[in-house]
Amino acid sequence: MKMEVIKELGTEELAERLEEERKQLVRLKLNHAVSPLENPNTIKEYRRTIARMMTELRRREIEANKKN
């Protein structure tokens, strides 16, 4: 997921998507442990997407604190 798409999401929706991405990453890791994935780079892509989402949530949290 690109950063532009992440920025367009609302905070609650972003938090929900983050949770879903984390669950999917766990599933991918388990599947990869049982039998190798066709493309193991998808694990790396999910990790990076999760990091982007967490960064955006943190940025919004900091902005909210600055306003108060």
PDB file of N, CA and C in Angstrom:
ATOM      1  N   MET A   1       0.858  -1.173   0.000  1.00  0.00           N
ATOM      2  CA  MET A   1       0.000   0.000   0.000  1.00  0.00           C
ATOM      3  C   MET A   1       0.901   1.232   0.000  1.00  0.00           C
ATOM      4  N   LYS A   2       0.585   2.136  -0.861  1.00  0.00           N
ATOM      5  CA  LYS A   2       1.380   3.352  -1.005  1.00  0.00           C
ATOM      6  C   LYS A   2       1.038   4.364   0.090  1.00  0.00           C
ATOM      7  N   MET A   3       1.973   5.238   0.372  1.00  0.00           N
ATOM      8  CA  MET A   3       1.796   6.241   1.414  1.00  0.00           C
ATOM      9  C   MET A   3       0.647   7.187   1.078  1.00  0.00           C
ATOM     10  N   GLU A   4       0.442   7.478  -0.209  1.00  0.00           N
ATOM     11  CA  GLU A   4      -0.650   8.369  -0.599  1.00  0.00           C
ATOM     12  C   GLU A   4      -2.000   7.772  -0.199  1.00  0.00           C
ATOM     13  N   VAL A   5      -2.142   6.470  -0.382  1.00  0.00           N
ATOM     14  CA  VAL A   5      -3.383   5.781  -0.034  1.00  0.00           C
ATOM     15  C   VAL A   5      -3.564   5.769   1.489  1.00  0.00           C
ATOM     16  N   ILE A   6      -2.487   5.549   2.204  1.00  0.00           N
ATOM     17  CA  ILE A   6      -2.543   5.506   3.669  1.00  0.00           C
ATOM     18  C   ILE A   6      -2.970   6.862   4.221  1.00  0.00           C
ATOM     19  N   LYS A   7      -2.451   7.943   3.660  1.00  0.00           N
ATOM     20  CA  LYS A   7      -2.786   9.283   4.143  1.00  0.00           C
ATOM     21  C   LYS A   7      -4.254   9.628   3.920  1.00  0.00           C
ATOM     22  N   GLU A   8      -4.872   9.032   2.905  1.00  0.00           N
ATOM     23  CA  GLU A   8      -6.273   9.319   2.601  1.00  0.00           C
ATOM     24  C   GLU A   8      -7.224   8.645   3.580  1.00  0.00           C
ATOM     25  N   LEU A   9      -6.785   7.592   4.245  1.00  0.00           N
ATOM     26  CA  LEU A   9      -7.644   6.859   5.170  1.00  0.00           C
ATOM     27  C   LEU A   9      -7.879   7.652   6.442  1.00  0.00           C
ATOM     28  N   GLY A  10      -9.043   7.450   7.041  1.00  0.00           N
ATOM     29  CA  GLY A  10      -9.320   8.054   8.334  1.00  0.00           C
ATOM     30  C   GLY A  10      -8.539   7.317   9.416  1.00  0.00           C
ATOM     31  N   THR A  11      -8.410   7.925  10.571  1.00  0.00           N
ATOM     32  CA  THR A  11      -7.617   7.345  11.649  1.00  0.00           C
ATOM     33  C   THR A  11      -8.173   6.005  12.115  1.00  0.00           C
ATOM     34  N   GLU A  12      -9.473   5.923  12.299  1.00  0.00           N
ATOM     35  CA  GLU A  12     -10.071   4.663  12.749  1.00  0.00           C
ATOM     36  C   GLU A  12      -9.926   3.583  11.688  1.00  0.00           C
ATOM     37  N   GLU A  13     -10.168   3.952  10.443  1.00  0.00           N
ATOM     38  CA  GLU A  13     -10.044   2.989   9.353  1.00  0.00           C
ATOM     39  C   GLU A  13      -8.593   2.521   9.214  1.00  0.00           C
ATOM     40  N   LEU A  14      -7.664   3.440   9.406  1.00  0.00           N
ATOM     41  CA  LEU A  14      -6.247   3.098   9.334  1.00  0.00           C
ATOM     42  C   LEU A  14      -5.872   2.108  10.431  1.00  0.00           C
ATOM     43  N   ALA A  15      -6.381   2.315  11.630  1.00  0.00           N
ATOM     44  CA  ALA A  15      -6.102   1.402  12.732  1.00  0.00           C
ATOM     45  C   ALA A  15      -6.677   0.008  12.445  1.00  0.00           C
ATOM     46  N   GLU A  16      -7.869  -0.037  11.864  1.00  0.00           N
ATOM     47  CA  GLU A  16      -8.476  -1.324  11.513  1.00  0.00           C
ATOM     48  C   GLU A  16      -7.666  -2.032  10.438  1.00  0.00           C
ATOM     49  N   ARG A  17      -7.264  -1.297   9.419  1.00  0.00           N
ATOM     50  CA  ARG A  17      -6.468  -1.890   8.337  1.00  0.00           C
ATOM     51  C   ARG A  17      -5.123  -2.381   8.866  1.00  0.00           C
ATOM     52  N   LEU A  18      -4.545  -1.642   9.805  1.00  0.00           N
ATOM     53  CA  LEU A  18      -3.272  -2.042  10.405  1.00  0.00           C
ATOM     54  C   LEU A  18      -3.415  -3.395  11.097  1.00  0.00           C
ATOM     55  N   GLU A  19      -4.482  -3.561  11.840  1.00  0.00           N
ATOM     56  CA  GLU A  19      -4.724  -4.826  12.534  1.00  0.00           C
ATOM     57  C   GLU A  19      -4.882  -5.973  11.529  1.00  0.00           C
ATOM     58  N   GLU A  20      -5.611  -5.721  10.447  1.00  0.00           N
ATOM     59  CA  GLU A  20      -5.795  -6.753   9.418  1.00  0.00           C
ATOM     60  C   GLU A  20      -4.476  -7.108   8.745  1.00  0.00           C
ATOM     61  N   GLU A  21      -3.659  -6.104   8.488  1.00  0.00           N
ATOM     62  CA  GLU A  21      -2.357  -6.357   7.867  1.00  0.00           C
ATOM     63  C   GLU A  21      -1.476  -7.186   8.796  1.00  0.00           C
ATOM     64  N   ARG A  22      -1.519  -6.904  10.074  1.00  0.00           N
ATOM     65  CA  ARG A  22      -0.735  -7.685  11.043  1.00  0.00           C
ATOM     66  C   ARG A  22      -1.187  -9.141  11.067  1.00  0.00           C
ATOM     67  N   LYS A  23      -2.500  -9.369  11.040  1.00  0.00           N
ATOM     68  CA  LYS A  23      -3.022 -10.733  11.024  1.00  0.00           C
ATOM     69  C   LYS A  23      -2.581 -11.466   9.759  1.00  0.00           C
ATOM     70  N   GLN A  24      -2.641 -10.771   8.633  1.00  0.00           N
ATOM     71  CA  GLN A  24      -2.234 -11.379   7.369  1.00  0.00           C
ATOM     72  C   GLN A  24      -0.748 -11.714   7.380  1.00  0.00           C
ATOM     73  N   LEU A  25       0.073 -10.865   7.981  1.00  0.00           N
ATOM     74  CA  LEU A  25       1.505 -11.127   8.068  1.00  0.00           C
ATOM     75  C   LEU A  25       1.772 -12.386   8.892  1.00  0.00           C
ATOM     76  N   VAL A  26       1.052 -12.553   9.985  1.00  0.00           N
ATOM     77  CA  VAL A  26       1.216 -13.755  10.806  1.00  0.00           C
ATOM     78  C   VAL A  26       0.842 -14.988   9.996  1.00  0.00           C
ATOM     79  N   ARG A  27      -0.262 -14.912   9.255  1.00  0.00           N
ATOM     80  CA  ARG A  27      -0.680 -16.043   8.422  1.00  0.00           C
ATOM     81  C   ARG A  27       0.375 -16.378   7.374  1.00  0.00           C
ATOM     82  N   LEU A  28       0.933 -15.352   6.744  1.00  0.00           N
ATOM     83  CA  LEU A  28       1.965 -15.584   5.739  1.00  0.00           C
ATOM     84  C   LEU A  28       3.193 -16.252   6.346  1.00  0.00           C
ATOM     85  N   LYS A  29       3.597 -15.790   7.517  1.00  0.00           N
ATOM     86  CA  LYS A  29       4.772 -16.375   8.171  1.00  0.00           C
ATOM     87  C   LYS A  29       4.535 -17.838   8.519  1.00  0.00           C
ATOM     88  N   LEU A  30       3.329 -18.146   9.024  1.00  0.00           N
ATOM     89  CA  LEU A  30       3.018 -19.533   9.351  1.00  0.00           C
ATOM     90  C   LEU A  30       2.993 -20.398   8.097  1.00  0.00           C
ATOM     91  N   ASN A  31       2.374 -19.915   7.050  1.00  0.00           N
ATOM     92  CA  ASN A  31       2.343 -20.667   5.799  1.00  0.00           C
ATOM     93  C   ASN A  31       3.738 -20.879   5.234  1.00  0.00           C
ATOM     94  N   HIS A  32       4.580 -19.878   5.367  1.00  0.00           N
ATOM     95  CA  HIS A  32       5.944 -19.979   4.860  1.00  0.00           C
ATOM     96  C   HIS A  32       6.754 -20.987   5.677  1.00  0.00           C
ATOM     97  N   ALA A  33       6.461 -21.088   6.957  1.00  0.00           N
ATOM     98  CA  ALA A  33       7.177 -22.050   7.806  1.00  0.00           C
ATOM     99  C   ALA A  33       6.782 -23.482   7.434  1.00  0.00           C
ATOM    100  N   VAL A  34       5.525 -23.681   7.067  1.00  0.00           N
ATOM    101  CA  VAL A  34       5.039 -25.018   6.712  1.00  0.00           C
ATOM    102  C   VAL A  34       5.524 -25.415   5.322  1.00  0.00           C
ATOM    103  N   SER A  35       5.263 -24.559   4.361  1.00  0.00           N
ATOM    104  CA  SER A  35       5.741 -24.799   2.998  1.00  0.00           C
ATOM    105  C   SER A  35       6.153 -23.461   2.407  1.00  0.00           C
ATOM    106  N   PRO A  36       7.262 -23.415   1.699  1.00  0.00           N
ATOM    107  CA  PRO A  36       7.756 -22.138   1.180  1.00  0.00           C
ATOM    108  C   PRO A  36       6.736 -21.438   0.289  1.00  0.00           C
ATOM    109  N   LEU A  37       6.662 -20.138   0.452  1.00  0.00           N
ATOM    110  CA  LEU A  37       5.785 -19.331  -0.389  1.00  0.00           C
ATOM    111  C   LEU A  37       6.367 -19.224  -1.788  1.00  0.00           C
ATOM    112  N   GLU A  38       5.488 -19.014  -2.752  1.00  0.00           N
ATOM    113  CA  GLU A  38       5.950 -18.841  -4.120  1.00  0.00           C
ATOM    114  C   GLU A  38       6.812 -17.576  -4.231  1.00  0.00           C
ATOM    115  N   ASN A  39       6.387 -16.522  -3.534  1.00  0.00           N
ATOM    116  CA  ASN A  39       7.134 -15.271  -3.538  1.00  0.00           C
ATOM    117  C   ASN A  39       7.313 -14.812  -2.091  1.00  0.00           C
ATOM    118  N   PRO A  40       8.440 -15.149  -1.456  1.00  0.00           N
ATOM    119  CA  PRO A  40       8.650 -14.769  -0.054  1.00  0.00           C
ATOM    120  C   PRO A  40       8.820 -13.265   0.159  1.00  0.00           C
ATOM    121  N   ASN A  41       8.982 -12.508  -0.911  1.00  0.00           N
ATOM    122  CA  ASN A  41       9.102 -11.051  -0.776  1.00  0.00           C
ATOM    123  C   ASN A  41       7.797 -10.416  -0.314  1.00  0.00           C
ATOM    124  N   THR A  42       6.691 -11.143  -0.404  1.00  0.00           N
ATOM    125  CA  THR A  42       5.423 -10.590   0.070  1.00  0.00           C
ATOM    126  C   THR A  42       5.474 -10.346   1.575  1.00  0.00           C
ATOM    127  N   ILE A  43       6.242 -11.155   2.297  1.00  0.00           N
ATOM    128  CA  ILE A  43       6.399 -10.936   3.742  1.00  0.00           C
ATOM    129  C   ILE A  43       7.042  -9.581   3.985  1.00  0.00           C
ATOM    130  N   LYS A  44       8.074  -9.276   3.213  1.00  0.00           N
ATOM    131  CA  LYS A  44       8.763  -7.989   3.347  1.00  0.00           C
ATOM    132  C   LYS A  44       7.818  -6.837   3.006  1.00  0.00           C
ATOM    133  N   GLU A  45       7.001  -7.010   1.981  1.00  0.00           N
ATOM    134  CA  GLU A  45       6.059  -5.966   1.587  1.00  0.00           C
ATOM    135  C   GLU A  45       5.038  -5.697   2.696  1.00  0.00           C
ATOM    136  N   TYR A  46       4.543  -6.761   3.336  1.00  0.00           N
ATOM    137  CA  TYR A  46       3.587  -6.584   4.430  1.00  0.00           C
ATOM    138  C   TYR A  46       4.253  -5.869   5.608  1.00  0.00           C
ATOM    139  N   ARG A  47       5.486  -6.231   5.926  1.00  0.00           N
ATOM    140  CA  ARG A  47       6.196  -5.551   7.024  1.00  0.00           C
ATOM    141  C   ARG A  47       6.349  -4.066   6.743  1.00  0.00           C
ATOM    142  N   ARG A  48       6.685  -3.735   5.526  1.00  0.00           N
ATOM    143  CA  ARG A  48       6.863  -2.326   5.156  1.00  0.00           C
ATOM    144  C   ARG A  48       5.541  -1.569   5.185  1.00  0.00           C
ATOM    145  N   THR A  49       4.481  -2.201   4.735  1.00  0.00           N
ATOM    146  CA  THR A  49       3.168  -1.560   4.773  1.00  0.00           C
ATOM    147  C   THR A  49       2.754  -1.296   6.213  1.00  0.00           C
ATOM    148  N   ILE A  50       2.989  -2.265   7.088  1.00  0.00           N
ATOM    149  CA  ILE A  50       2.665  -2.094   8.505  1.00  0.00           C
ATOM    150  C   ILE A  50       3.468  -0.933   9.084  1.00  0.00           C
ATOM    151  N   ALA A  51       4.735  -0.848   8.737  1.00  0.00           N
ATOM    152  CA  ALA A  51       5.573   0.243   9.233  1.00  0.00           C
ATOM    153  C   ALA A  51       5.066   1.594   8.737  1.00  0.00           C
ATOM    154  N   ARG A  52       4.636   1.655   7.485  1.00  0.00           N
ATOM    155  CA  ARG A  52       4.096   2.908   6.947  1.00  0.00           C
ATOM    156  C   ARG A  52       2.836   3.326   7.693  1.00  0.00           C
ATOM    157  N   MET A  53       1.979   2.354   7.966  1.00  0.00           N
ATOM    158  CA  MET A  53       0.743   2.651   8.688  1.00  0.00           C
ATOM    159  C   MET A  53       1.036   3.130  10.107  1.00  0.00           C
ATOM    160  N   MET A  54       1.963   2.481  10.771  1.00  0.00           N
ATOM    161  CA  MET A  54       2.301   2.875  12.131  1.00  0.00           C
ATOM    162  C   MET A  54       2.918   4.281  12.144  1.00  0.00           C
ATOM    163  N   THR A  55       3.726   4.581  11.146  1.00  0.00           N
ATOM    164  CA  THR A  55       4.335   5.906  11.045  1.00  0.00           C
ATOM    165  C   THR A  55       3.262   6.978  10.878  1.00  0.00           C
ATOM    166  N   GLU A  56       2.291   6.723  10.019  1.00  0.00           N
ATOM    167  CA  GLU A  56       1.215   7.693   9.784  1.00  0.00           C
ATOM    168  C   GLU A  56       0.367   7.882  11.044  1.00  0.00           C
ATOM    169  N   LEU A  57       0.060   6.796  11.747  1.00  0.00           N
ATOM    170  CA  LEU A  57      -0.708   6.916  12.995  1.00  0.00           C
ATOM    171  C   LEU A  57       0.062   7.742  14.024  1.00  0.00           C
ATOM    172  N   ARG A  58       1.350   7.499  14.127  1.00  0.00           N
ATOM    173  CA  ARG A  58       2.177   8.250  15.077  1.00  0.00           C
ATOM    174  C   ARG A  58       2.240   9.727  14.694  1.00  0.00           C
ATOM    175  N   ARG A  59       2.353  10.008  13.389  1.00  0.00           N
ATOM    176  CA  ARG A  59       2.397  11.402  12.931  1.00  0.00           C
ATOM    177  C   ARG A  59       1.102  12.125  13.289  1.00  0.00           C
ATOM    178  N   ARG A  60      -0.023  11.444  13.118  1.00  0.00           N
ATOM    179  CA  ARG A  60      -1.312  12.048  13.466  1.00  0.00           C
ATOM    180  C   ARG A  60      -1.428  12.266  14.965  1.00  0.00           C
ATOM    181  N   GLU A  61      -0.907  11.340  15.731  1.00  0.00           N
ATOM    182  CA  GLU A  61      -0.935  11.479  17.198  1.00  0.00           C
ATOM    183  C   GLU A  61      -0.111  12.689  17.643  1.00  0.00           C
ATOM    184  N   ILE A  62       1.048  12.865  17.056  1.00  0.00           N
ATOM    185  CA  ILE A  62       1.902  13.996  17.399  1.00  0.00           C
ATOM    186  C   ILE A  62       1.250  15.315  17.003  1.00  0.00           C
ATOM    187  N   GLU A  63       0.637  15.358  15.823  1.00  0.00           N
ATOM    188  CA  GLU A  63      -0.053  16.571  15.395  1.00  0.00           C
ATOM    189  C   GLU A  63      -1.203  16.916  16.332  1.00  0.00           C
ATOM    190  N   ALA A  64      -1.927  15.912  16.786  1.00  0.00           N
ATOM    191  CA  ALA A  64      -3.051  16.140  17.693  1.00  0.00           C
ATOM    192  C   ALA A  64      -2.557  16.699  19.026  1.00  0.00           C
ATOM    193  N   ASN A  65      -1.425  16.216  19.490  1.00  0.00           N
ATOM    194  CA  ASN A  65      -0.859  16.706  20.749  1.00  0.00           C
ATOM    195  C   ASN A  65      -0.326  18.121  20.628  1.00  0.00           C
ATOM    196  N   LYS A  66       0.181  18.492  19.472  1.00  0.00           N
ATOM    197  CA  LYS A  66       0.673  19.851  19.260  1.00  0.00           C
ATOM    198  C   LYS A  66      -0.457  20.873  19.302  1.00  0.00           C
ATOM    199  N   LYS A  67      -1.634  20.459  18.812  1.00  0.00           N
ATOM    200  CA  LYS A  67      -2.777  21.373  18.775  1.00  0.00           C
ATOM    201  C   LYS A  67      -3.340  21.636  20.170  1.00  0.00           C
ATOM    202  N   ASN A  68      -3.139  20.704  21.067  1.00  0.00           N
ATOM    203  CA  ASN A  68      -3.681  20.862  22.439  1.00  0.00           C
ATOM    204  C   ASN A  68      -2.778  21.621  23.321  1.00  0.00           C
TER     205      ASN A  68
END
